[in-house]
N, C-alpha and C. Protein backbone atom coordinates (compact mmCIF):
# COMPACT_ATOMS: atom_id res chain seq x y z
N MET A 1 73.35 8.08 182.66
CA MET A 1 74.44 7.66 183.52
C MET A 1 74.68 6.16 183.34
N LYS A 2 75.92 5.83 183.11
CA LYS A 2 76.29 4.43 182.91
C LYS A 2 76.33 3.70 184.24
N LYS A 3 75.74 2.52 184.28
CA LYS A 3 75.72 1.73 185.51
C LYS A 3 77.07 1.03 185.68
N ILE A 4 77.61 1.10 186.87
CA ILE A 4 78.90 0.49 187.19
C ILE A 4 78.67 -0.97 187.56
N LYS A 5 79.45 -1.85 186.98
CA LYS A 5 79.37 -3.29 187.31
C LYS A 5 80.42 -3.58 188.38
N LEU A 6 79.95 -4.00 189.54
CA LEU A 6 80.85 -4.29 190.66
C LEU A 6 81.14 -5.77 190.75
N THR A 7 82.31 -6.09 191.30
CA THR A 7 82.60 -7.48 191.62
C THR A 7 81.79 -7.85 192.86
N ALA A 8 81.71 -9.12 193.17
CA ALA A 8 80.98 -9.56 194.37
C ALA A 8 81.58 -8.95 195.63
N GLU A 9 82.90 -8.87 195.69
CA GLU A 9 83.56 -8.29 196.87
C GLU A 9 83.29 -6.80 196.99
N GLN A 10 83.31 -6.09 195.87
CA GLN A 10 83.00 -4.65 195.90
C GLN A 10 81.56 -4.42 196.35
N GLN A 11 80.64 -5.21 195.82
CA GLN A 11 79.22 -5.06 196.19
C GLN A 11 79.02 -5.35 197.67
N LYS A 12 79.70 -6.37 198.18
CA LYS A 12 79.60 -6.72 199.61
C LYS A 12 80.13 -5.58 200.47
N LEU A 13 81.25 -5.00 200.08
CA LEU A 13 81.84 -3.89 200.82
C LEU A 13 80.92 -2.66 200.79
N PHE A 14 80.36 -2.36 199.63
CA PHE A 14 79.43 -1.24 199.53
C PHE A 14 78.20 -1.47 200.39
N ASN A 15 77.60 -2.65 200.28
CA ASN A 15 76.39 -2.96 201.05
C ASN A 15 76.63 -2.86 202.56
N ALA A 16 77.81 -3.26 203.02
CA ALA A 16 78.13 -3.21 204.45
C ALA A 16 78.37 -1.79 204.94
N ASN A 17 78.73 -0.89 204.02
CA ASN A 17 79.12 0.46 204.42
C ASN A 17 78.22 1.57 203.90
N PHE A 18 77.05 1.21 203.41
CA PHE A 18 76.12 2.24 202.94
C PHE A 18 74.70 1.88 203.34
N ASN A 19 73.99 2.87 203.84
CA ASN A 19 72.59 2.73 204.19
C ASN A 19 71.87 3.98 203.68
N ARG A 20 70.87 3.80 202.86
CA ARG A 20 70.19 4.93 202.21
C ARG A 20 69.57 5.88 203.24
N LYS A 21 68.97 5.33 204.29
CA LYS A 21 68.35 6.18 205.31
C LYS A 21 69.40 7.03 206.02
N ALA A 22 70.52 6.42 206.38
CA ALA A 22 71.60 7.17 207.04
C ALA A 22 72.14 8.26 206.11
N TYR A 23 72.24 7.94 204.83
CA TYR A 23 72.70 8.92 203.84
C TYR A 23 71.73 10.09 203.75
N GLU A 24 70.44 9.80 203.64
CA GLU A 24 69.43 10.86 203.52
C GLU A 24 69.41 11.74 204.77
N GLU A 25 69.61 11.15 205.95
CA GLU A 25 69.67 11.93 207.19
C GLU A 25 70.88 12.86 207.20
N ALA A 26 72.00 12.39 206.66
CA ALA A 26 73.21 13.21 206.59
C ALA A 26 73.07 14.31 205.54
N LYS A 27 72.39 13.99 204.46
CA LYS A 27 72.24 14.93 203.34
C LYS A 27 71.24 16.05 203.65
N LYS A 28 70.22 15.76 204.43
CA LYS A 28 69.14 16.72 204.66
C LYS A 28 69.62 18.09 205.13
N PRO A 29 70.44 18.19 206.19
CA PRO A 29 70.87 19.54 206.61
C PRO A 29 71.78 20.23 205.59
N ILE A 30 72.53 19.44 204.83
CA ILE A 30 73.38 20.02 203.79
C ILE A 30 72.50 20.62 202.69
N GLN A 31 71.51 19.84 202.26
CA GLN A 31 70.60 20.31 201.20
C GLN A 31 69.81 21.52 201.68
N GLU A 32 69.37 21.51 202.94
CA GLU A 32 68.63 22.65 203.48
C GLU A 32 69.50 23.90 203.53
N ALA A 33 70.79 23.72 203.87
CA ALA A 33 71.71 24.86 203.90
C ALA A 33 71.88 25.45 202.50
N ILE A 34 72.00 24.59 201.51
CA ILE A 34 72.14 25.06 200.12
C ILE A 34 70.87 25.78 199.68
N SER A 35 69.73 25.13 199.88
CA SER A 35 68.45 25.70 199.43
C SER A 35 68.10 27.01 200.13
N GLY A 36 68.49 27.13 201.40
CA GLY A 36 68.13 28.30 202.18
C GLY A 36 69.13 29.43 202.14
N SER A 37 70.21 29.28 201.39
CA SER A 37 71.25 30.31 201.36
C SER A 37 71.10 31.20 200.13
N LYS A 38 71.32 32.49 200.36
CA LYS A 38 71.22 33.46 199.27
C LYS A 38 72.58 34.00 198.87
N SER A 39 73.64 33.53 199.56
CA SER A 39 75.00 33.95 199.21
C SER A 39 75.97 32.88 199.69
N PHE A 40 77.19 32.95 199.17
CA PHE A 40 78.22 32.00 199.59
C PHE A 40 78.48 32.13 201.08
N ASP A 41 78.59 33.36 201.58
CA ASP A 41 78.88 33.57 203.00
C ASP A 41 77.80 32.97 203.90
N GLU A 42 76.56 33.09 203.47
CA GLU A 42 75.46 32.51 204.25
C GLU A 42 75.56 30.98 204.25
N LEU A 43 75.84 30.40 203.09
CA LEU A 43 76.00 28.94 203.01
C LEU A 43 77.17 28.49 203.87
N TRP A 44 78.29 29.17 203.76
CA TRP A 44 79.49 28.80 204.52
C TRP A 44 79.20 28.82 206.02
N SER A 45 78.49 29.82 206.49
CA SER A 45 78.19 29.91 207.93
C SER A 45 77.26 28.78 208.37
N LYS A 46 76.35 28.35 207.49
CA LYS A 46 75.44 27.26 207.83
C LYS A 46 76.13 25.90 207.86
N LEU A 47 77.27 25.79 207.21
CA LEU A 47 77.98 24.51 207.14
C LEU A 47 79.08 24.37 208.20
N GLN A 48 79.22 25.34 209.08
CA GLN A 48 80.34 25.33 210.01
C GLN A 48 80.28 24.25 211.09
N ASN A 49 79.16 23.55 211.21
CA ASN A 49 79.08 22.41 212.13
C ASN A 49 79.73 21.17 211.54
N HIS A 50 80.16 21.25 210.30
CA HIS A 50 80.78 20.14 209.59
C HIS A 50 82.22 20.51 209.22
N GLU A 51 83.01 19.50 208.93
CA GLU A 51 84.37 19.74 208.47
C GLU A 51 84.31 20.08 206.98
N CYS A 52 84.64 21.32 206.65
CA CYS A 52 84.51 21.79 205.26
C CYS A 52 85.81 22.40 204.77
N ASP A 53 85.96 22.39 203.46
CA ASP A 53 87.10 23.01 202.79
C ASP A 53 86.58 23.67 201.52
N VAL A 54 87.37 24.59 200.96
CA VAL A 54 86.93 25.34 199.80
C VAL A 54 87.99 25.31 198.70
N GLU A 55 87.53 25.18 197.46
CA GLU A 55 88.37 25.33 196.27
C GLU A 55 87.67 26.33 195.37
N TYR A 56 88.47 27.09 194.64
CA TYR A 56 87.89 28.08 193.74
C TYR A 56 88.17 27.69 192.29
N GLU A 57 87.13 27.75 191.47
CA GLU A 57 87.25 27.54 190.04
C GLU A 57 86.77 28.79 189.33
N ASP A 58 86.96 28.85 188.03
CA ASP A 58 86.61 30.06 187.28
C ASP A 58 85.13 30.43 187.40
N ASP A 59 84.25 29.43 187.29
CA ASP A 59 82.82 29.73 187.26
C ASP A 59 82.07 29.40 188.54
N CYS A 60 82.76 28.80 189.52
CA CYS A 60 82.06 28.43 190.76
C CYS A 60 83.06 28.24 191.90
N THR A 61 82.51 28.09 193.09
CA THR A 61 83.28 27.74 194.28
C THR A 61 82.84 26.34 194.68
N ILE A 62 83.80 25.48 195.00
CA ILE A 62 83.48 24.11 195.40
C ILE A 62 83.76 23.95 196.89
N ILE A 63 82.74 23.56 197.62
CA ILE A 63 82.88 23.30 199.05
C ILE A 63 82.82 21.79 199.24
N SER A 64 83.83 21.23 199.89
CA SER A 64 83.76 19.82 200.28
C SER A 64 83.37 19.79 201.74
N CYS A 65 82.40 18.95 202.05
CA CYS A 65 81.81 18.94 203.39
C CYS A 65 81.66 17.49 203.86
N GLU A 66 82.42 17.12 204.89
CA GLU A 66 82.40 15.75 205.39
C GLU A 66 81.34 15.57 206.48
N VAL A 67 80.62 14.45 206.38
CA VAL A 67 79.58 14.13 207.35
C VAL A 67 79.67 12.65 207.69
N GLU A 68 79.72 12.34 208.99
CA GLU A 68 79.73 10.94 209.42
C GLU A 68 78.33 10.36 209.30
N LEU A 69 78.24 9.12 208.83
CA LEU A 69 76.95 8.45 208.72
C LEU A 69 76.65 7.63 209.97
N ASP A 70 75.38 7.50 210.28
CA ASP A 70 74.92 6.65 211.38
C ASP A 70 75.12 5.19 210.96
N ARG A 71 75.97 4.48 211.69
CA ARG A 71 76.31 3.10 211.33
C ARG A 71 75.38 2.08 211.98
N SER A 72 74.38 2.50 212.72
CA SER A 72 73.55 1.56 213.49
C SER A 72 72.80 0.55 212.63
N HIS A 73 72.54 0.86 211.38
CA HIS A 73 71.84 -0.09 210.51
C HIS A 73 72.76 -0.64 209.42
N MET A 74 74.06 -0.57 209.67
CA MET A 74 75.03 -1.08 208.70
C MET A 74 75.73 -2.30 209.27
N GLU A 75 76.23 -3.14 208.38
CA GLU A 75 76.96 -4.33 208.79
C GLU A 75 78.46 -4.08 208.89
N THR A 76 78.89 -2.86 208.69
CA THR A 76 80.31 -2.53 208.65
C THR A 76 81.03 -2.90 209.94
N GLU A 77 82.29 -3.25 209.81
CA GLU A 77 83.15 -3.48 210.97
C GLU A 77 84.00 -2.25 211.23
N GLY A 78 83.81 -1.21 210.44
CA GLY A 78 84.60 0.01 210.58
C GLY A 78 84.10 0.89 211.71
N ASP A 79 85.03 1.65 212.29
CA ASP A 79 84.70 2.62 213.33
C ASP A 79 84.18 3.93 212.75
N TYR A 80 84.37 4.10 211.45
CA TYR A 80 83.93 5.33 210.80
C TYR A 80 83.41 5.02 209.40
N VAL A 81 82.25 5.57 209.10
CA VAL A 81 81.71 5.58 207.73
C VAL A 81 81.18 6.99 207.52
N GLY A 82 81.58 7.59 206.42
CA GLY A 82 81.13 8.94 206.16
C GLY A 82 81.07 9.24 204.68
N VAL A 83 80.50 10.39 204.39
CA VAL A 83 80.45 10.87 203.02
C VAL A 83 81.03 12.27 202.96
N CYS A 84 81.54 12.60 201.80
CA CYS A 84 81.99 13.96 201.54
C CYS A 84 81.14 14.50 200.41
N PHE A 85 80.36 15.52 200.73
CA PHE A 85 79.52 16.18 199.74
C PHE A 85 80.35 17.27 199.05
N TYR A 86 80.32 17.30 197.74
CA TYR A 86 80.96 18.37 196.98
C TYR A 86 79.86 19.28 196.46
N ILE A 87 79.87 20.51 196.97
CA ILE A 87 78.84 21.48 196.64
C ILE A 87 79.44 22.51 195.67
N LYS A 88 78.82 22.65 194.52
CA LYS A 88 79.21 23.71 193.58
C LYS A 88 78.31 24.91 193.83
N TRP A 89 78.94 26.04 194.20
CA TRP A 89 78.20 27.27 194.44
C TRP A 89 78.52 28.26 193.33
N TYR A 90 77.47 28.76 192.70
CA TYR A 90 77.63 29.71 191.60
C TYR A 90 77.28 31.11 192.10
N ASP A 91 78.31 31.97 192.25
CA ASP A 91 78.11 33.31 192.79
C ASP A 91 77.19 34.16 191.92
N GLU A 92 77.30 34.04 190.61
CA GLU A 92 76.47 34.86 189.73
C GLU A 92 74.98 34.56 189.90
N ALA A 93 74.65 33.31 190.18
CA ALA A 93 73.25 32.92 190.36
C ALA A 93 72.86 32.84 191.84
N ASP A 94 73.85 32.95 192.73
CA ASP A 94 73.62 32.77 194.17
C ASP A 94 72.84 31.49 194.44
N SER A 95 73.33 30.41 193.86
CA SER A 95 72.70 29.10 194.07
C SER A 95 73.76 28.02 193.98
N GLY A 96 73.40 26.85 194.49
CA GLY A 96 74.35 25.75 194.48
C GLY A 96 73.67 24.41 194.38
N THR A 97 74.48 23.39 194.08
CA THR A 97 74.00 22.02 194.00
C THR A 97 75.07 21.07 194.52
N ILE A 98 74.64 19.91 194.96
CA ILE A 98 75.59 18.86 195.32
C ILE A 98 75.99 18.19 194.01
N SER A 99 77.26 18.28 193.66
CA SER A 99 77.71 17.77 192.37
C SER A 99 78.29 16.36 192.46
N LYS A 100 78.79 15.99 193.62
CA LYS A 100 79.44 14.68 193.77
C LYS A 100 79.40 14.28 195.24
N VAL A 101 79.36 12.98 195.48
CA VAL A 101 79.41 12.46 196.85
C VAL A 101 80.41 11.31 196.88
N GLU A 102 81.34 11.37 197.84
CA GLU A 102 82.32 10.30 198.02
C GLU A 102 81.99 9.54 199.30
N LEU A 103 82.07 8.21 199.24
CA LEU A 103 81.82 7.35 200.40
C LEU A 103 83.14 6.88 200.97
N TYR A 104 83.31 7.01 202.29
CA TYR A 104 84.54 6.62 202.99
C TYR A 104 84.21 5.62 204.09
N SER A 105 85.15 4.72 204.38
CA SER A 105 84.99 3.78 205.49
C SER A 105 86.35 3.40 206.05
N SER A 106 86.38 3.18 207.36
CA SER A 106 87.62 2.69 207.99
C SER A 106 87.65 1.17 208.04
N GLU A 107 86.60 0.50 207.56
CA GLU A 107 86.56 -0.97 207.60
C GLU A 107 87.74 -1.58 206.86
N THR A 108 88.11 -1.00 205.75
CA THR A 108 89.17 -1.56 204.91
C THR A 108 90.55 -1.37 205.49
N SER A 109 90.76 -0.33 206.27
CA SER A 109 92.10 -0.05 206.81
C SER A 109 92.35 -0.76 208.13
N GLY A 110 91.28 -1.09 208.85
CA GLY A 110 91.45 -1.73 210.15
C GLY A 110 91.90 -0.78 211.24
N ASN A 111 91.93 0.51 210.96
CA ASN A 111 92.27 1.49 211.99
C ASN A 111 91.39 2.72 211.79
N TYR A 112 91.84 3.87 212.25
CA TYR A 112 90.99 5.06 212.20
C TYR A 112 91.10 5.83 210.89
N LEU A 113 91.92 5.36 209.95
CA LEU A 113 92.01 6.01 208.65
C LEU A 113 90.90 5.48 207.76
N ALA A 114 90.19 6.37 207.13
CA ALA A 114 89.08 5.97 206.25
C ALA A 114 89.55 5.97 204.80
N ASP A 115 89.22 4.90 204.10
CA ASP A 115 89.54 4.79 202.68
C ASP A 115 88.36 5.25 201.84
N HIS A 116 88.67 5.89 200.72
CA HIS A 116 87.66 6.32 199.75
C HIS A 116 87.23 5.08 198.99
N LEU A 117 85.98 4.65 199.19
CA LEU A 117 85.48 3.45 198.52
C LEU A 117 84.98 3.75 197.12
N CYS A 118 84.09 4.74 197.01
CA CYS A 118 83.46 5.00 195.71
C CYS A 118 82.81 6.37 195.71
N ASN A 119 82.38 6.77 194.52
CA ASN A 119 81.57 7.98 194.36
C ASN A 119 80.15 7.53 194.07
N ILE A 120 79.19 8.25 194.64
CA ILE A 120 77.79 7.92 194.39
C ILE A 120 77.05 9.15 193.87
N HIS A 121 75.99 8.90 193.11
CA HIS A 121 75.16 9.98 192.59
C HIS A 121 74.41 10.61 193.77
N PRO A 122 74.41 11.95 193.87
CA PRO A 122 73.78 12.61 195.02
C PRO A 122 72.30 12.30 195.22
N GLU A 123 71.57 12.04 194.14
CA GLU A 123 70.13 11.80 194.24
C GLU A 123 69.77 10.32 194.25
N THR A 124 70.32 9.56 193.32
CA THR A 124 69.92 8.16 193.16
C THR A 124 70.73 7.19 194.02
N CYS A 125 71.88 7.63 194.50
CA CYS A 125 72.82 6.81 195.28
C CYS A 125 73.42 5.67 194.46
N GLU A 126 73.28 5.72 193.15
CA GLU A 126 73.95 4.75 192.28
C GLU A 126 75.45 5.02 192.34
N ILE A 127 76.24 3.97 192.31
CA ILE A 127 77.69 4.13 192.29
C ILE A 127 78.09 4.65 190.92
N THR A 128 78.79 5.78 190.89
CA THR A 128 79.23 6.36 189.62
C THR A 128 80.68 6.02 189.32
N GLU A 129 81.46 5.70 190.36
CA GLU A 129 82.86 5.31 190.16
C GLU A 129 83.33 4.52 191.38
N TRP A 130 83.94 3.38 191.14
CA TRP A 130 84.55 2.61 192.23
C TRP A 130 86.00 3.05 192.33
N VAL A 131 86.47 3.41 193.53
CA VAL A 131 87.80 3.97 193.70
C VAL A 131 88.73 3.03 194.45
N TYR A 132 88.25 2.41 195.50
CA TYR A 132 89.09 1.57 196.36
C TYR A 132 89.58 0.35 195.58
N ASP A 133 90.90 0.15 195.54
CA ASP A 133 91.44 -0.92 194.69
C ASP A 133 92.25 -1.97 195.43
N ASP A 134 92.29 -1.94 196.74
CA ASP A 134 93.05 -2.94 197.50
C ASP A 134 92.18 -4.11 197.93
N ILE A 135 91.03 -4.27 197.36
CA ILE A 135 90.08 -5.28 197.81
C ILE A 135 90.63 -6.70 197.68
N ASP A 136 91.40 -6.96 196.64
CA ASP A 136 91.96 -8.31 196.45
C ASP A 136 93.00 -8.64 197.50
N ASP A 137 93.66 -7.63 198.09
CA ASP A 137 94.67 -7.87 199.11
C ASP A 137 94.06 -8.33 200.43
N LYS A 138 92.77 -8.07 200.64
CA LYS A 138 92.12 -8.38 201.92
C LYS A 138 91.54 -9.78 201.95
N GLN A 139 91.58 -10.49 200.84
CA GLN A 139 90.96 -11.81 200.79
C GLN A 139 91.84 -12.86 201.40
């Protein structure tokens, strides 16, 4: 995996809106639901406490599942910080994995709308893609 080089402003924004412990706490029930499910229907029922959506592809089903992060150990000025887990479920194998994680924050918008800041690796939390591009307008 190629390491993403962030600008100082991007790094500051990421640091203020991401906490590894909060992420792991949010990820734990999602990972447990995936690991403990033997079918798509079972997984779907276990995720109903979260805001989820479904897309269908030829070889798998993709569930997007939004989870708010605990901001108590973050420096963010936003009212909302959350992640969206993208779960690929393979019906033939009756198994799934978290394939992508998107980080969102309302700090950049100044209201209740959350902007997509970046994508992070589900395991290492390394930034895989920086998405938010209005950072220069806020200076």
